[in-house]
PDB file of N, CA and C in Angstrom:
ATOM      1  N   MET A   1     -69.591  22.522 -27.150  1.00  0.00           N
ATOM      2  CA  MET A   1     -68.439  21.483 -26.849  1.00  0.00           C
ATOM      3  C   MET A   1     -68.836  19.757 -26.174  1.00  0.00           C
ATOM      4  N   THR A   2     -68.172  18.968 -26.493  1.00  0.00           N
ATOM      5  CA  THR A   2     -68.347  17.479 -26.214  1.00  0.00           C
ATOM      6  C   THR A   2     -68.271  17.361 -25.062  1.00  0.00           C
ATOM      7  N   LYS A   3     -68.399  16.265 -24.165  1.00  0.00           N
ATOM      8  CA  LYS A   3     -67.963  15.763 -23.070  1.00  0.00           C
ATOM      9  C   LYS A   3     -66.474  15.171 -22.726  1.00  0.00           C
ATOM     10  N   LEU A   4     -66.224  14.948 -23.693  1.00  0.00           N
ATOM     11  CA  LEU A   4     -65.051  14.007 -24.168  1.00  0.00           C
ATOM     12  C   LEU A   4     -63.975  15.320 -24.367  1.00  0.00           C
ATOM     13  N   GLU A   5     -64.278  16.553 -24.803  1.00  0.00           N
ATOM     14  CA  GLU A   5     -63.463  17.990 -25.121  1.00  0.00           C
ATOM     15  C   GLU A   5     -63.268  18.330 -23.842  1.00  0.00           C
ATOM     16  N   ARG A   6     -64.685  18.792 -22.667  1.00  0.00           N
ATOM     17  CA  ARG A   6     -64.655  19.127 -21.445  1.00  0.00           C
ATOM     18  C   ARG A   6     -63.472  17.754 -20.590  1.00  0.00           C
ATOM     19  N   ALA A   7     -63.834  16.920 -20.916  1.00  0.00           N
ATOM     20  CA  ALA A   7     -62.941  16.311 -19.545  1.00  0.00           C
ATOM     21  C   ALA A   7     -61.748  16.479 -20.124  1.00  0.00           C
ATOM     22  N   VAL A   8     -61.325  16.231 -21.274  1.00  0.00           N
ATOM     23  CA  VAL A   8     -59.618  16.979 -21.659  1.00  0.00           C
ATOM     24  C   VAL A   8     -59.695  18.046 -21.196  1.00  0.00           C
ATOM     25  N   LYS A   9     -60.036  19.573 -21.626  1.00  0.00           N
ATOM     26  CA  LYS A   9     -59.986  20.222 -20.973  1.00  0.00           C
ATOM     27  C   LYS A   9     -59.638  20.667 -19.321  1.00  0.00           C
ATOM     28  N   GLU A  10     -60.306  20.038 -18.558  1.00  0.00           N
ATOM     29  CA  GLU A  10     -60.055  19.623 -17.203  1.00  0.00           C
ATOM     30  C   GLU A  10     -59.010  18.602 -16.796  1.00  0.00           C
ATOM     31  N   ALA A  11     -59.006  18.081 -17.704  1.00  0.00           N
ATOM     32  CA  ALA A  11     -57.824  17.290 -17.768  1.00  0.00           C
ATOM     33  C   ALA A  11     -56.079  18.151 -17.320  1.00  0.00           C
ATOM     34  N   GLU A  12     -56.135  18.840 -17.948  1.00  0.00           N
ATOM     35  CA  GLU A  12     -55.102  19.707 -18.266  1.00  0.00           C
ATOM     36  C   GLU A  12     -54.703  20.219 -16.919  1.00  0.00           C
ATOM     37  N   GLN A  13     -55.610  20.622 -16.032  1.00  0.00           N
ATOM     38  CA  GLN A  13     -55.231  21.089 -14.727  1.00  0.00           C
ATOM     39  C   GLN A  13     -54.615  19.998 -13.690  1.00  0.00           C
ATOM     40  N   LEU A  14     -54.758  19.083 -14.218  1.00  0.00           N
ATOM     41  CA  LEU A  14     -54.118  17.904 -12.822  1.00  0.00           C
ATOM     42  C   LEU A  14     -52.504  17.600 -12.956  1.00  0.00           C
ATOM     43  N   PRO A  15     -52.246  17.318 -11.752  1.00  0.00           N
ATOM     44  CA  PRO A  15     -50.682  17.095 -12.187  1.00  0.00           C
ATOM     45  C   PRO A  15     -49.891  15.964 -13.275  1.00  0.00           C
ATOM     46  N   ASP A  16     -49.089  16.398 -13.960  1.00  0.00           N
ATOM     47  CA  ASP A  16     -48.325  15.304 -15.004  1.00  0.00           C
ATOM     48  C   ASP A  16     -48.668  14.159 -14.821  1.00  0.00           C
ATOM     49  N   ASP A  17     -48.406  13.071 -13.905  1.00  0.00           N
ATOM     50  CA  ASP A  17     -48.462  11.937 -13.818  1.00  0.00           C
ATOM     51  C   ASP A  17     -49.693  10.875 -13.568  1.00  0.00           C
ATOM     52  N   LEU A  18     -50.910  12.626 -13.153  1.00  0.00           N
ATOM     53  CA  LEU A  18     -52.062  11.459 -12.758  1.00  0.00           C
ATOM     54  C   LEU A  18     -52.604  11.871 -14.657  1.00  0.00           C
ATOM     55  N   ARG A  19     -52.380  13.071 -14.811  1.00  0.00           N
ATOM     56  CA  ARG A  19     -52.981  12.875 -16.979  1.00  0.00           C
ATOM     57  C   ARG A  19     -52.431  11.890 -17.326  1.00  0.00           C
ATOM     58  N   GLU A  20     -51.091  11.055 -16.899  1.00  0.00           N
ATOM     59  CA  GLU A  20     -50.491  10.190 -17.878  1.00  0.00           C
ATOM     60  C   GLU A  20     -51.266   8.919 -17.616  1.00  0.00           C
ATOM     61  N   ARG A  21     -51.564   8.859 -16.166  1.00  0.00           N
ATOM     62  CA  ARG A  21     -52.511   7.556 -15.817  1.00  0.00           C
ATOM     63  C   ARG A  21     -53.895   7.859 -16.396  1.00  0.00           C
ATOM     64  N   ILE A  22     -54.152   8.461 -16.406  1.00  0.00           N
ATOM     65  CA  ILE A  22     -55.683   8.800 -16.945  1.00  0.00           C
ATOM     66  C   ILE A  22     -55.409   8.502 -18.464  1.00  0.00           C
ATOM     67  N   GLY A  23     -54.883   9.452 -18.994  1.00  0.00           N
ATOM     68  CA  GLY A  23     -54.655   8.850 -20.638  1.00  0.00           C
ATOM     69  C   GLY A  23     -54.114   7.627 -21.181  1.00  0.00           C
ATOM     70  N   ASP A  24     -53.544   6.582 -20.119  1.00  0.00           N
ATOM     71  CA  ASP A  24     -53.342   5.650 -20.411  1.00  0.00           C
ATOM     72  C   ASP A  24     -54.648   4.682 -19.936  1.00  0.00           C
ATOM     73  N   ASP A  25     -55.182   4.478 -19.320  1.00  0.00           N
ATOM     74  CA  ASP A  25     -56.545   4.302 -19.112  1.00  0.00           C
ATOM     75  C   ASP A  25     -57.405   4.118 -20.308  1.00  0.00           C
ATOM     76  N   LEU A  26     -57.295   5.573 -20.572  1.00  0.00           N
ATOM     77  CA  LEU A  26     -58.678   5.848 -21.572  1.00  0.00           C
ATOM     78  C   LEU A  26     -58.334   5.151 -22.727  1.00  0.00           C
ATOM     79  N   LEU A  27     -56.911   5.264 -23.304  1.00  0.00           N
ATOM     80  CA  LEU A  27     -56.581   4.310 -24.276  1.00  0.00           C
ATOM     81  C   LEU A  27     -56.737   3.187 -24.324  1.00  0.00           C
ATOM     82  N   HIS A  28     -56.113   2.515 -23.128  1.00  0.00           N
ATOM     83  CA  HIS A  28     -56.836   1.361 -22.976  1.00  0.00           C
ATOM     84  C   HIS A  28     -57.977   0.887 -23.159  1.00  0.00           C
ATOM     85  N   TYR A  29     -59.491   1.646 -22.564  1.00  0.00           N
ATOM     86  CA  TYR A  29     -60.804   1.249 -22.752  1.00  0.00           C
ATOM     87  C   TYR A  29     -60.834   1.625 -24.310  1.00  0.00           C
ATOM     88  N   ILE A  30     -60.610   2.343 -24.769  1.00  0.00           N
ATOM     89  CA  ILE A  30     -60.582   2.560 -26.509  1.00  0.00           C
ATOM     90  C   ILE A  30     -59.984   1.310 -27.094  1.00  0.00           C
ATOM     91  N   HIS A  31     -58.772   1.133 -27.050  1.00  0.00           N
ATOM     92  CA  HIS A  31     -58.370  -0.292 -27.653  1.00  0.00           C
ATOM     93  C   HIS A  31     -59.511  -1.187 -27.451  1.00  0.00           C
ATOM     94  N   LYS A  32     -59.725  -1.750 -26.176  1.00  0.00           N
ATOM     95  CA  LYS A  32     -60.896  -2.809 -26.134  1.00  0.00           C
ATOM     96  C   LYS A  32     -61.592  -2.815 -26.545  1.00  0.00           C
ATOM     97  N   TYR A  33     -62.795  -1.384 -26.361  1.00  0.00           N
ATOM     98  CA  TYR A  33     -63.755  -0.784 -27.409  1.00  0.00           C
ATOM     99  C   TYR A  33     -63.698  -1.184 -28.600  1.00  0.00           C
ATOM    100  N   LEU A  34     -62.679  -1.144 -29.674  1.00  0.00           N
ATOM    101  CA  LEU A  34     -62.514  -1.096 -30.921  1.00  0.00           C
ATOM    102  C   LEU A  34     -62.174  -2.624 -31.156  1.00  0.00           C
ATOM    103  N   ALA A  35     -61.510  -3.321 -30.551  1.00  0.00           N
ATOM    104  CA  ALA A  35     -61.538  -4.716 -30.713  1.00  0.00           C
ATOM    105  C   ALA A  35     -62.447  -5.484 -30.417  1.00  0.00           C
ATOM    106  N   LEU A  36     -63.218  -5.328 -29.666  1.00  0.00           N
ATOM    107  CA  LEU A  36     -65.058  -5.739 -29.364  1.00  0.00           C
ATOM    108  C   LEU A  36     -65.720  -5.610 -30.401  1.00  0.00           C
ATOM    109  N   ARG A  37     -65.899  -4.254 -31.282  1.00  0.00           N
ATOM    110  CA  ARG A  37     -66.432  -3.778 -32.419  1.00  0.00           C
ATOM    111  C   ARG A  37     -65.979  -4.589 -33.560  1.00  0.00           C
ATOM    112  N   ASP A  38     -65.209  -4.775 -33.573  1.00  0.00           N
ATOM    113  CA  ASP A  38     -64.076  -5.245 -34.990  1.00  0.00           C
ATOM    114  C   ASP A  38     -64.193  -7.210 -35.160  1.00  0.00           C
ATOM    115  N   ALA A  39     -64.702  -7.544 -33.344  1.00  0.00           N
ATOM    116  CA  ALA A  39     -64.946  -8.596 -33.501  1.00  0.00           C
ATOM    117  C   ALA A  39     -66.409  -9.104 -33.369  1.00  0.00           C
ATOM    118  N   LEU A  40     -67.303  -8.354 -33.248  1.00  0.00           N
ATOM    119  CA  LEU A  40     -68.945  -8.220 -33.264  1.00  0.00           C
ATOM    120  C   LEU A  40     -68.773  -8.260 -35.354  1.00  0.00           C
ATOM    121  N   ASP A  41     -68.171  -6.975 -35.546  1.00  0.00           N
ATOM    122  CA  ASP A  41     -68.229  -6.832 -37.053  1.00  0.00           C
ATOM    123  C   ASP A  41     -68.234  -8.115 -37.942  1.00  0.00           C
ATOM    124  N   GLU A  42     -66.846  -8.519 -37.462  1.00  0.00           N
ATOM    125  CA  GLU A  42     -66.367 -10.078 -38.128  1.00  0.00           C
ATOM    126  C   GLU A  42     -67.201 -11.029 -37.930  1.00  0.00           C
ATOM    127  N   GLY A  43     -68.004 -11.161 -36.891  1.00  0.00           N
ATOM    128  CA  GLY A  43     -68.856 -12.202 -36.218  1.00  0.00           C
ATOM    129  C   GLY A  43     -70.318 -12.029 -37.112  1.00  0.00           C
ATOM    130  N   LEU A  44     -70.660 -11.069 -37.413  1.00  0.00           N
ATOM    131  CA  LEU A  44     -71.869 -10.443 -38.154  1.00  0.00           C
ATOM    132  C   LEU A  44     -71.551 -10.776 -39.395  1.00  0.00           C
ATOM    133  N   SER A  45     -70.638 -10.958 -40.249  1.00  0.00           N
ATOM    134  CA  SER A  45     -70.109 -10.880 -41.315  1.00  0.00           C
ATOM    135  C   SER A  45     -70.698 -12.054 -41.652  1.00  0.00           C
ATOM    136  N   GLU A  46     -69.455 -13.167 -40.396  1.00  0.00           N
ATOM    137  CA  GLU A  46     -69.827 -14.609 -41.031  1.00  0.00           C
ATOM    138  C   GLU A  46     -71.512 -15.207 -41.045  1.00  0.00           C
ATOM    139  N   LEU A  47     -71.848 -14.576 -39.801  1.00  0.00           N
ATOM    140  CA  LEU A  47     -73.105 -14.954 -39.987  1.00  0.00           C
ATOM    141  C   LEU A  47     -73.967 -14.211 -41.050  1.00  0.00           C
ATOM    142  N   ASP A  48     -73.962 -13.572 -41.822  1.00  0.00           N
ATOM    143  CA  ASP A  48     -74.375 -12.646 -43.055  1.00  0.00           C
ATOM    144  C   ASP A  48     -73.984 -13.730 -43.971  1.00  0.00           C
ATOM    145  N   ALA A  49     -72.779 -14.495 -43.977  1.00  0.00           N
ATOM    146  CA  ALA A  49     -71.998 -14.957 -44.901  1.00  0.00           C
ATOM    147  C   ALA A  49     -72.632 -16.659 -44.997  1.00  0.00           C
ATOM    148  N   GLY A  50     -73.368 -16.941 -43.620  1.00  0.00           N
ATOM    149  CA  GLY A  50     -73.987 -18.216 -43.668  1.00  0.00           C
ATOM    150  C   GLY A  50     -73.192 -18.809 -42.954  1.00  0.00           C
ATOM    151  N   GLU A  51     -71.681 -18.609 -42.920  1.00  0.00           N
ATOM    152  CA  GLU A  51     -71.386 -19.253 -41.909  1.00  0.00           C
ATOM    153  C   GLU A  51     -72.244 -19.994 -40.705  1.00  0.00           C
ATOM    154  N   THR A  52     -72.096 -21.400 -40.391  1.00  0.00           N
ATOM    155  CA  THR A  52     -72.094 -21.722 -39.064  1.00  0.00           C
ATOM    156  C   THR A  52     -71.089 -21.085 -37.908  1.00  0.00           C
ATOM    157  N   VAL A  53     -71.668 -21.113 -36.812  1.00  0.00           N
ATOM    158  CA  VAL A  53     -70.800 -20.577 -35.495  1.00  0.00           C
ATOM    159  C   VAL A  53     -71.404 -21.322 -34.759  1.00  0.00           C
ATOM    160  N   ASP A  54     -70.826 -21.255 -34.076  1.00  0.00           N
ATOM    161  CA  ASP A  54     -71.002 -22.134 -32.450  1.00  0.00           C
ATOM    162  C   ASP A  54     -71.409 -21.035 -31.468  1.00  0.00           C
ATOM    163  N   GLY A  55     -72.342 -20.354 -30.919  1.00  0.00           N
ATOM    164  CA  GLY A  55     -72.736 -19.134 -30.293  1.00  0.00           C
ATOM    165  C   GLY A  55     -71.887 -19.462 -29.152  1.00  0.00           C
ATOM    166  N   GLU A  56     -72.209 -20.492 -28.461  1.00  0.00           N
ATOM    167  CA  GLU A  56     -71.351 -20.201 -26.850  1.00  0.00           C
ATOM    168  C   GLU A  56     -69.813 -20.219 -27.232  1.00  0.00           C
ATOM    169  N   GLU A  57     -69.352 -21.146 -28.040  1.00  0.00           N
ATOM    170  CA  GLU A  57     -68.095 -20.323 -28.456  1.00  0.00           C
ATOM    171  C   GLU A  57     -67.533 -19.149 -28.940  1.00  0.00           C
ATOM    172  N   MET A  58     -68.256 -18.476 -29.662  1.00  0.00           N
ATOM    173  CA  MET A  58     -68.230 -17.465 -30.348  1.00  0.00           C
ATOM    174  C   MET A  58     -68.381 -16.402 -28.738  1.00  0.00           C
ATOM    175  N   LEU A  59     -69.285 -16.633 -28.043  1.00  0.00           N
ATOM    176  CA  LEU A  59     -69.312 -15.747 -26.921  1.00  0.00           C
ATOM    177  C   LEU A  59     -68.216 -15.921 -25.363  1.00  0.00           C
ATOM    178  N   ALA A  60     -68.114 -16.918 -25.756  1.00  0.00           N
ATOM    179  CA  ALA A  60     -66.728 -17.463 -24.971  1.00  0.00           C
ATOM    180  C   ALA A  60     -65.240 -16.687 -25.563  1.00  0.00           C
ATOM    181  N   GLU A  61     -65.086 -16.270 -26.227  1.00  0.00           N
ATOM    182  CA  GLU A  61     -64.359 -15.735 -27.202  1.00  0.00           C
ATOM    183  C   GLU A  61     -64.133 -14.633 -26.918  1.00  0.00           C
ATOM    184  N   LEU A  62     -65.542 -13.793 -27.725  1.00  0.00           N
ATOM    185  CA  LEU A  62     -65.868 -12.502 -26.953  1.00  0.00           C
ATOM    186  C   LEU A  62     -65.393 -11.916 -25.245  1.00  0.00           C
ATOM    187  N   LYS A  63     -66.182 -12.631 -24.674  1.00  0.00           N
ATOM    188  CA  LYS A  63     -65.800 -12.494 -23.180  1.00  0.00           C
ATOM    189  C   LYS A  63     -63.831 -12.585 -22.731  1.00  0.00           C
ATOM    190  N   THR A  64     -63.221 -13.937 -23.532  1.00  0.00           N
ATOM    191  CA  THR A  64     -62.088 -13.806 -23.180  1.00  0.00           C
ATOM    192  C   THR A  64     -61.430 -12.586 -24.110  1.00  0.00           C
ATOM    193  N   ALA A  65     -61.551 -11.877 -25.427  1.00  0.00           N
ATOM    194  CA  ALA A  65     -61.232 -10.991 -25.857  1.00  0.00           C
ATOM    195  C   ALA A  65     -61.071  -9.659 -25.144  1.00  0.00           C
ATOM    196  N   SER A  66     -62.296  -9.673 -24.521  1.00  0.00           N
ATOM    197  CA  SER A  66     -62.621  -8.402 -24.108  1.00  0.00           C
ATOM    198  C   SER A  66     -62.395  -8.087 -21.919  1.00  0.00           C
ATOM    199  N   GLY A  67     -61.635  -9.289 -22.083  1.00  0.00           N
ATOM    200  CA  GLY A  67     -61.377  -9.299 -20.604  1.00  0.00           C
ATOM    201  C   GLY A  67     -62.441  -9.590 -19.530  1.00  0.00           C
ATOM    202  N   ALA A  68     -63.343  -9.749 -19.850  1.00  0.00           N
ATOM    203  CA  ALA A  68     -64.815  -9.955 -19.238  1.00  0.00           C
ATOM    204  C   ALA A  68     -65.064 -11.511 -18.224  1.00  0.00           C
TER     205      ALA A  68
END
């Protein structure tokens, strides 16, 4: 059993309102992670294609997108 599966199983024992809040938080985290991963993949593809990218500008955009 993975840690995520264990966490879900244990979370099933919590009150409904708390489970909803935890679910919302987890979905928010997952969506932020996926968006950051996609942005990094896009940036790496641009670099592989030889497109010039201002590193400082790229980091600023990633920080803004990730809420950092």
